[in-house]
Amino acid sequence: MNFLRNIFSKKDDYIKSYSDFWTWFQKNDKDFFNTVKNHENIETAFFDKLSPKLGELKDGYFYLTGMYDNNTVELVLTADGSTKNIVFIEELVNAAPKIDGWKFTALKPSLNIENVRIEMGDYKFDGENINFYANEFTKYPDEIDITIVHDDLTNENKKQITNGIYIFLDNYLGELDFVNNIDNLTIISKQEAQKELISIAKLKDFLTWRQKEFVEKYQGIRYNTQNDSYSILEAKLESGYILLAVINTELINWDSKASHPWISVLTLKYDGSNNNGMPNEKDYKLLNTIEEEIMQELKDIDGYLNIGRQTSKGERDIYFACKDFRKPSKIFFKTQQKHSASFEIEYDIYKDKYWQSFERFKNN
């Protein structure tokens, strides 16, 4: 009987919801608090227990911890650069109960420049050895393209310096502002610089100004779906596979693309080995049903524009241009969970203000 009790107790402890997680955390919060405060085996006594429980909710939760003050431990949950996981971090922290001695933070917060100093191996990253300048492109006037210059960067240490720069910016700008306010980032050495260098301490003010300008420019912009015009593009690849795309050609020629800067792509993988890479009739119907389900959730009136789809080589990609990344993240994850028995499903969300990833369809 004890054996059966153990089985059921393990099953009952499985984390299925945010409330399940926080119920489990509250059972252990005093032990975790003492572990962090006393700096005793934090990896084994806290992180090794925390990580699998977060993983039961969803992949993609990362974390940092330390003393916020003498009586409070701060647990920072972070998406570690993955835009599609940000909403789940925010929701989990928003669902947290008040627990004495704990402060829970969603995403790495912004820090003052004098408080940001990263050391990685032999290299330092701070306000003294990092500068920047902005790049402007006539064709893409709203693109916020930043070049970062580190005094010590060479060809040999570029990978290490690049990693350090990203960690530095995550902490200096704050994780959410880093994602929202920079469209493209290039990291170079001092010798490669082509413009006058500006202290990294001025980057926040520059980005705030550019983002305010951008928001004001596109506030209230909406696309009129009555003008939609879809084209069917078909090609036979060198491999013998067929490529079939259905694209809203009117939409991809829209002159206000930057108002919907987030591209969301859902990829469904099927067996196309016996049909020139195309789905069989059963899979074709289910793929269309799934697309219709998503269209019911991601509506153009709410800021989610369906660009179209591409089917080839055992994969269907469904494309949306979005005003925000949070809802597509949730809908695509729900779709992945619901239909995982029928298809292998992946999804990605990335910033592309001018929808340059769809130029191939315009050329055709």
Protein backbone atom coordinates (compact mmCIF):
# COMPACT_ATOMS: atom_id res chain seq x y z
CA MET A 1 0.00 0.00 0.00
CA ASN A 2 2.91 2.37 0.73
CA PHE A 3 4.22 1.71 -2.78
CA LEU A 4 0.87 2.75 -4.32
CA ARG A 5 0.75 5.86 -2.13
CA ASN A 6 4.17 6.91 -3.41
CA ILE A 7 3.09 6.51 -7.03
CA PHE A 8 -0.01 8.63 -6.59
CA SER A 9 1.78 11.29 -4.60
CA LYS A 10 4.34 11.74 -7.39
CA LYS A 11 1.56 12.01 -9.95
CA ASP A 12 -0.27 14.56 -7.80
CA ASP A 13 2.90 16.68 -7.59
CA TYR A 14 3.15 17.00 -11.38
CA ILE A 15 2.91 20.66 -12.40
CA LYS A 16 0.07 21.34 -14.83
CA SER A 17 -0.71 25.00 -14.15
CA TYR A 18 0.75 28.19 -12.70
CA SER A 19 -1.16 27.61 -9.45
CA ASP A 20 0.27 24.07 -9.22
CA PHE A 21 3.76 25.50 -9.51
CA TRP A 22 3.26 28.12 -6.81
CA THR A 23 1.61 25.59 -4.50
CA TRP A 24 4.69 23.39 -4.86
CA PHE A 25 7.00 26.39 -4.38
CA GLN A 26 5.26 27.40 -1.14
CA LYS A 27 5.87 23.94 0.26
CA ASN A 28 9.61 24.54 -0.16
CA ASP A 29 10.03 28.33 0.06
CA LYS A 30 11.64 28.41 3.54
CA ASP A 31 14.27 25.82 2.57
CA PHE A 32 14.96 27.68 -0.67
CA PHE A 33 15.19 31.00 1.19
CA ASN A 34 17.79 29.65 3.64
CA THR A 35 19.77 28.06 0.81
CA VAL A 36 20.11 31.36 -1.07
CA LYS A 37 20.65 33.55 2.00
CA ASN A 38 23.38 31.27 3.35
CA HIS A 39 24.92 30.59 -0.09
CA GLU A 40 24.77 26.87 0.63
CA ASN A 41 24.61 24.49 -2.34
CA ILE A 42 22.32 26.77 -4.37
CA GLU A 43 22.78 24.63 -7.48
CA THR A 44 21.77 21.33 -5.90
CA ALA A 45 19.44 22.46 -3.12
CA PHE A 46 17.49 25.03 -5.16
CA PHE A 47 18.13 25.05 -8.91
CA ASP A 48 18.14 21.26 -9.35
CA LYS A 49 14.69 21.17 -7.75
CA LEU A 50 13.33 24.29 -9.44
CA SER A 51 14.36 23.44 -12.99
CA PRO A 52 12.37 20.21 -13.52
CA LYS A 53 9.24 21.76 -12.01
CA LEU A 54 9.43 24.70 -14.40
CA GLY A 55 10.06 22.22 -17.22
CA GLU A 56 6.82 20.44 -16.40
CA LEU A 57 5.00 23.67 -17.21
CA LYS A 58 6.91 24.40 -20.42
CA ASP A 59 10.40 24.47 -21.87
CA GLY A 60 12.10 27.86 -21.90
CA TYR A 61 12.08 29.08 -18.29
CA PHE A 62 15.48 30.32 -17.10
CA TYR A 63 16.27 31.94 -13.78
CA LEU A 64 18.64 34.00 -11.63
CA THR A 65 18.59 34.46 -7.89
CA GLY A 66 20.24 36.45 -5.12
CA MET A 67 19.49 38.60 -2.09
CA TYR A 68 17.36 41.64 -2.92
CA ASP A 69 17.96 42.95 0.60
CA ASN A 70 18.90 41.39 3.95
CA ASN A 71 15.49 39.79 4.35
CA THR A 72 14.36 39.15 0.77
CA VAL A 73 15.44 36.69 -1.89
CA GLU A 74 14.76 37.75 -5.48
CA LEU A 75 14.00 35.13 -8.12
CA VAL A 76 14.24 36.54 -11.65
CA LEU A 77 12.61 34.39 -14.32
CA THR A 78 13.97 35.09 -17.80
CA ALA A 79 13.29 33.96 -21.38
CA ASP A 80 17.04 34.16 -22.13
CA GLY A 81 16.52 35.90 -25.48
CA SER A 82 13.57 33.82 -26.72
CA THR A 83 10.76 36.22 -27.67
CA LYS A 84 8.15 33.46 -27.91
CA ASN A 85 8.64 32.56 -24.23
CA ILE A 86 8.31 36.06 -22.76
CA VAL A 87 4.54 35.92 -22.25
CA PHE A 88 4.80 32.67 -20.27
CA ILE A 89 7.42 34.20 -17.98
CA GLU A 90 5.18 37.22 -17.39
CA GLU A 91 2.10 35.09 -16.72
CA LEU A 92 3.86 32.83 -14.24
CA VAL A 93 5.19 35.78 -12.23
CA ASN A 94 1.81 37.55 -12.36
CA ALA A 95 0.24 34.42 -10.87
CA ALA A 96 2.70 34.34 -7.95
CA PRO A 97 1.18 34.65 -4.47
CA LYS A 98 2.72 36.92 -1.86
CA ILE A 99 5.34 34.86 -0.04
CA ASP A 100 7.19 36.35 2.92
CA GLY A 101 10.87 36.83 2.16
CA TRP A 102 10.51 36.55 -1.62
CA LYS A 103 10.41 38.94 -4.58
CA PHE A 104 9.55 37.48 -8.00
CA THR A 105 10.57 39.39 -11.13
CA ALA A 106 9.55 38.69 -14.74
CA LEU A 107 12.48 39.24 -17.11
CA LYS A 108 15.78 40.91 -16.32
CA PRO A 109 15.11 44.50 -15.23
CA SER A 110 16.90 47.58 -16.53
CA LEU A 111 19.93 48.73 -14.53
CA ASN A 112 21.77 52.04 -14.34
CA ILE A 113 24.96 52.02 -16.38
CA GLU A 114 27.17 52.38 -13.29
CA ASN A 115 25.65 49.17 -11.89
CA VAL A 116 26.37 47.04 -14.94
CA ARG A 117 29.76 45.39 -15.06
CA ILE A 118 30.10 41.93 -16.59
CA GLU A 119 33.27 39.87 -16.38
CA MET A 120 33.78 36.85 -18.62
CA GLY A 121 37.19 35.27 -18.53
CA ASP A 122 39.75 37.94 -19.33
CA TYR A 123 37.21 40.43 -20.65
CA LYS A 124 35.13 43.15 -19.02
CA PHE A 125 31.92 44.76 -20.27
CA ASP A 126 30.94 48.12 -18.82
CA GLY A 127 30.38 51.78 -19.63
CA GLU A 128 34.12 52.36 -20.08
CA ASN A 129 34.89 49.98 -22.94
CA ILE A 130 31.63 49.78 -24.94
CA ASN A 131 30.35 52.40 -27.39
CA PHE A 132 27.77 52.49 -30.17
CA TYR A 133 26.45 54.33 -33.19
CA ALA A 134 23.18 54.12 -35.12
CA ASN A 135 22.82 53.24 -38.80
CA GLU A 136 20.21 54.82 -41.07
CA PHE A 137 18.76 53.34 -44.25
CA THR A 138 16.65 55.38 -46.66
CA LYS A 139 14.72 52.30 -47.73
CA TYR A 140 13.97 51.32 -44.12
CA PRO A 141 13.61 54.59 -42.19
CA ASP A 142 11.98 53.05 -39.10
CA GLU A 143 14.58 50.33 -38.63
CA ILE A 144 16.55 50.76 -35.40
CA ASP A 145 19.92 49.37 -36.45
CA ILE A 146 22.69 49.64 -33.88
CA THR A 147 26.42 48.95 -34.16
CA ILE A 148 28.15 48.12 -30.87
CA VAL A 149 31.91 48.64 -30.52
CA HIS A 150 33.96 46.87 -27.84
CA ASP A 151 37.52 48.09 -27.29
CA ASP A 152 39.00 44.59 -27.00
CA LEU A 153 37.22 42.76 -29.84
CA THR A 154 39.40 40.81 -32.28
CA ASN A 155 38.74 38.03 -34.80
CA GLU A 156 39.96 35.51 -32.25
CA ASN A 157 37.67 36.52 -29.38
CA LYS A 158 34.63 37.67 -31.37
CA LYS A 159 32.36 34.85 -30.16
CA GLN A 160 33.19 35.46 -26.52
CA ILE A 161 32.90 39.25 -26.79
CA THR A 162 29.57 38.91 -28.65
CA ASN A 163 28.14 36.72 -25.87
CA GLY A 164 29.31 39.24 -23.29
CA ILE A 165 27.73 42.16 -25.18
CA TYR A 166 24.35 40.43 -25.30
CA ILE A 167 24.48 39.71 -21.57
CA PHE A 168 25.53 43.30 -20.91
CA LEU A 169 22.65 44.75 -22.98
CA ASP A 170 20.13 42.39 -21.37
CA ASN A 171 21.09 43.79 -17.98
CA TYR A 172 21.61 47.43 -18.98
CA LEU A 173 18.51 47.90 -21.15
CA GLY A 174 16.36 45.30 -19.46
CA GLU A 175 15.30 42.13 -21.24
CA LEU A 176 11.98 43.42 -22.59
CA ASP A 177 13.33 46.76 -23.85
CA PHE A 178 16.23 44.99 -25.55
CA VAL A 179 13.75 42.83 -27.49
CA ASN A 180 11.33 45.67 -28.27
CA ASN A 181 13.64 48.57 -29.05
CA ILE A 182 16.48 47.18 -31.18
CA ASP A 183 15.72 45.70 -34.59
CA ASN A 184 19.22 44.83 -35.78
CA LEU A 185 22.49 44.62 -33.88
CA THR A 186 26.05 44.38 -35.22
CA ILE A 187 29.13 43.99 -33.02
CA ILE A 188 32.50 45.18 -34.36
CA SER A 189 36.00 46.16 -33.27
CA LYS A 190 37.17 49.74 -32.80
CA GLN A 191 39.18 49.55 -36.02
CA GLU A 192 36.08 48.67 -38.05
CA ALA A 193 34.03 51.65 -36.87
CA GLN A 194 32.75 53.90 -39.66
CA LYS A 195 31.10 56.62 -37.56
CA GLU A 196 31.86 58.67 -34.49
CA LEU A 197 31.50 56.54 -31.37
CA ILE A 198 28.89 57.41 -28.74
CA SER A 199 29.11 56.28 -25.12
CA ILE A 200 26.91 53.26 -24.41
CA ALA A 201 25.53 55.26 -21.46
CA LYS A 202 23.51 57.29 -24.01
CA LEU A 203 21.93 54.26 -25.70
CA LYS A 204 18.82 54.20 -23.47
CA ASP A 205 17.92 57.81 -24.24
CA PHE A 206 18.47 57.24 -27.95
CA LEU A 207 16.23 54.16 -28.02
CA THR A 208 13.50 55.86 -25.96
CA TRP A 209 13.44 58.74 -28.46
CA ARG A 210 13.34 56.42 -31.51
CA GLN A 211 10.66 54.18 -30.02
CA LYS A 212 8.45 57.16 -29.09
CA GLU A 213 8.81 58.49 -32.62
CA PHE A 214 7.90 55.08 -34.05
CA VAL A 215 4.81 54.59 -31.84
CA GLU A 216 3.47 58.05 -32.67
CA LYS A 217 3.95 57.46 -36.40
CA TYR A 218 1.99 54.19 -36.53
CA GLN A 219 -0.57 54.71 -33.78
CA GLY A 220 -4.04 53.74 -35.01
CA ILE A 221 -2.82 52.33 -38.35
CA ARG A 222 -5.02 49.50 -39.62
CA TYR A 223 -4.96 47.36 -42.74
CA ASN A 224 -8.18 47.12 -44.77
CA THR A 225 -8.75 43.40 -45.39
CA GLN A 226 -11.43 44.18 -47.99
CA ASN A 227 -8.57 44.75 -50.43
CA ASP A 228 -7.07 41.30 -49.87
CA SER A 229 -5.92 39.53 -53.01
CA TYR A 230 -4.34 36.07 -52.76
CA SER A 231 -2.03 34.56 -55.36
CA ILE A 232 -1.12 30.90 -55.76
CA LEU A 233 2.57 30.38 -56.49
CA GLU A 234 3.70 26.95 -57.66
CA ALA A 235 7.18 25.70 -58.47
CA LYS A 236 9.03 22.42 -58.95
CA LEU A 237 12.31 22.36 -57.05
CA GLU A 238 15.53 20.76 -58.32
CA SER A 239 14.98 17.97 -55.80
CA GLY A 240 11.72 17.09 -57.56
CA TYR A 241 9.56 18.35 -54.71
CA ILE A 242 6.62 20.64 -55.43
CA LEU A 243 6.41 24.03 -53.67
CA LEU A 244 2.96 25.56 -53.32
CA ALA A 245 2.41 28.97 -51.70
CA VAL A 246 -0.79 30.94 -51.15
CA ILE A 247 0.19 34.54 -50.41
CA ASN A 248 -1.80 37.72 -49.78
CA THR A 249 -0.04 39.76 -52.45
CA GLU A 250 -1.99 42.91 -51.66
CA LEU A 251 -0.86 42.74 -48.04
CA ILE A 252 2.85 42.19 -48.74
CA ASN A 253 2.82 45.38 -50.84
CA TRP A 254 1.24 47.41 -48.01
CA ASP A 255 3.12 50.65 -47.26
CA SER A 256 2.66 50.48 -43.46
CA LYS A 257 4.31 47.13 -42.76
CA ALA A 258 6.32 48.50 -39.84
CA SER A 259 3.10 48.92 -37.84
CA HIS A 260 3.05 45.09 -37.58
CA PRO A 261 6.75 44.37 -36.94
CA TRP A 262 6.52 40.85 -35.46
CA ILE A 263 6.52 37.86 -37.82
CA SER A 264 5.02 34.65 -36.43
CA VAL A 265 5.63 31.37 -38.26
CA LEU A 266 3.99 28.05 -37.39
CA THR A 267 5.58 25.00 -39.04
CA LEU A 268 3.71 21.68 -39.24
CA LYS A 269 5.66 18.63 -40.42
CA TYR A 270 3.93 15.75 -42.20
CA ASP A 271 4.97 12.74 -44.27
CA GLY A 272 5.29 13.92 -47.86
CA SER A 273 7.68 11.21 -49.05
CA ASN A 274 5.15 9.54 -51.39
CA ASN A 275 3.61 12.69 -52.84
CA ASN A 276 6.43 14.94 -54.12
CA GLY A 277 6.67 16.50 -50.67
CA MET A 278 2.97 17.41 -50.51
CA PRO A 279 0.49 16.15 -47.87
CA ASN A 280 -1.92 13.29 -48.51
CA GLU A 281 -5.65 14.03 -48.54
CA LYS A 282 -6.18 13.29 -44.84
CA ASP A 283 -3.28 15.46 -43.74
CA TYR A 284 -4.27 18.21 -46.17
CA LYS A 285 -7.72 18.48 -44.59
CA LEU A 286 -6.32 18.54 -41.06
CA LEU A 287 -3.71 21.17 -41.98
CA ASN A 288 -6.46 23.40 -43.33
CA THR A 289 -8.57 22.82 -40.22
CA ILE A 290 -5.66 23.84 -37.99
CA GLU A 291 -5.10 26.99 -40.05
CA GLU A 292 -8.78 27.89 -39.72
CA GLU A 293 -8.58 27.38 -35.93
CA ILE A 294 -5.65 29.79 -35.75
CA MET A 295 -7.42 32.35 -37.94
CA GLN A 296 -10.32 32.32 -35.48
CA GLU A 297 -7.91 33.26 -32.69
CA LEU A 298 -5.57 35.67 -34.49
CA LYS A 299 -7.90 38.22 -36.06
CA ASP A 300 -6.87 41.11 -38.26
CA ILE A 301 -9.02 43.54 -36.25
CA ASP A 302 -6.82 42.78 -33.22
CA GLY A 303 -3.57 43.36 -35.12
CA TYR A 304 -2.77 39.91 -36.55
CA LEU A 305 -2.54 39.78 -40.34
CA ASN A 306 -2.42 36.46 -42.19
CA ILE A 307 0.24 36.75 -44.89
CA GLY A 308 -0.37 33.25 -46.23
CA ARG A 309 1.23 29.83 -46.23
CA GLN A 310 3.84 27.73 -47.98
CA THR A 311 3.71 23.94 -48.41
CA SER A 312 6.70 21.90 -49.57
CA LYS A 313 9.09 19.08 -48.65
CA GLY A 314 6.91 17.67 -45.88
CA GLU A 315 6.29 21.02 -44.17
CA ARG A 316 3.60 23.66 -44.08
CA ASP A 317 4.55 27.14 -42.85
CA ILE A 318 1.75 29.54 -41.84
CA TYR A 319 2.73 33.22 -41.66
CA PHE A 320 1.31 36.12 -39.65
CA ALA A 321 2.47 39.73 -39.27
CA CYS A 322 1.59 40.96 -35.78
CA LYS A 323 1.48 44.12 -33.70
CA ASP A 324 2.57 42.15 -30.63
CA PHE A 325 4.24 38.82 -29.96
CA ARG A 326 2.36 37.68 -26.85
CA LYS A 327 -0.91 36.32 -28.22
CA PRO A 328 0.68 34.45 -31.17
CA SER A 329 3.08 32.84 -28.68
CA LYS A 330 0.15 31.49 -26.67
CA ILE A 331 -1.98 30.43 -29.66
CA PHE A 332 0.89 28.64 -31.38
CA PHE A 333 1.85 26.85 -28.16
CA LYS A 334 -1.77 25.77 -27.66
CA THR A 335 -1.86 24.50 -31.25
CA GLN A 336 1.36 22.58 -30.70
CA GLN A 337 -0.07 20.89 -27.60
CA LYS A 338 -3.44 20.11 -29.20
CA HIS A 339 -2.16 18.59 -32.45
CA SER A 340 1.17 17.04 -31.39
CA ALA A 341 -0.20 13.52 -32.01
CA SER A 342 -0.86 14.35 -35.68
CA PHE A 343 2.12 16.51 -36.65
CA GLU A 344 5.51 17.59 -35.38
CA ILE A 345 4.93 21.30 -34.77
CA GLU A 346 7.43 24.12 -34.30
CA TYR A 347 7.00 27.88 -34.20
CA ASP A 348 9.09 31.02 -34.20
CA ILE A 349 8.48 34.74 -33.61
CA TYR A 350 10.97 37.36 -34.74
CA LYS A 351 11.21 41.09 -35.48
CA ASP A 352 11.11 42.05 -39.17
CA LYS A 353 9.68 45.58 -39.51
CA TYR A 354 9.73 45.63 -43.30
CA TRP A 355 8.84 41.94 -43.80
CA GLN A 356 12.08 41.38 -45.69
CA SER A 357 11.71 37.63 -45.18
CA PHE A 358 8.85 37.69 -47.71
CA GLU A 359 10.66 39.52 -50.51
CA ARG A 360 10.94 36.19 -52.35
CA PHE A 361 7.18 36.17 -52.85
CA LYS A 362 7.13 39.74 -54.20
CA ASN A 363 9.80 38.91 -56.76
CA ASN A 364 7.71 36.06 -58.05
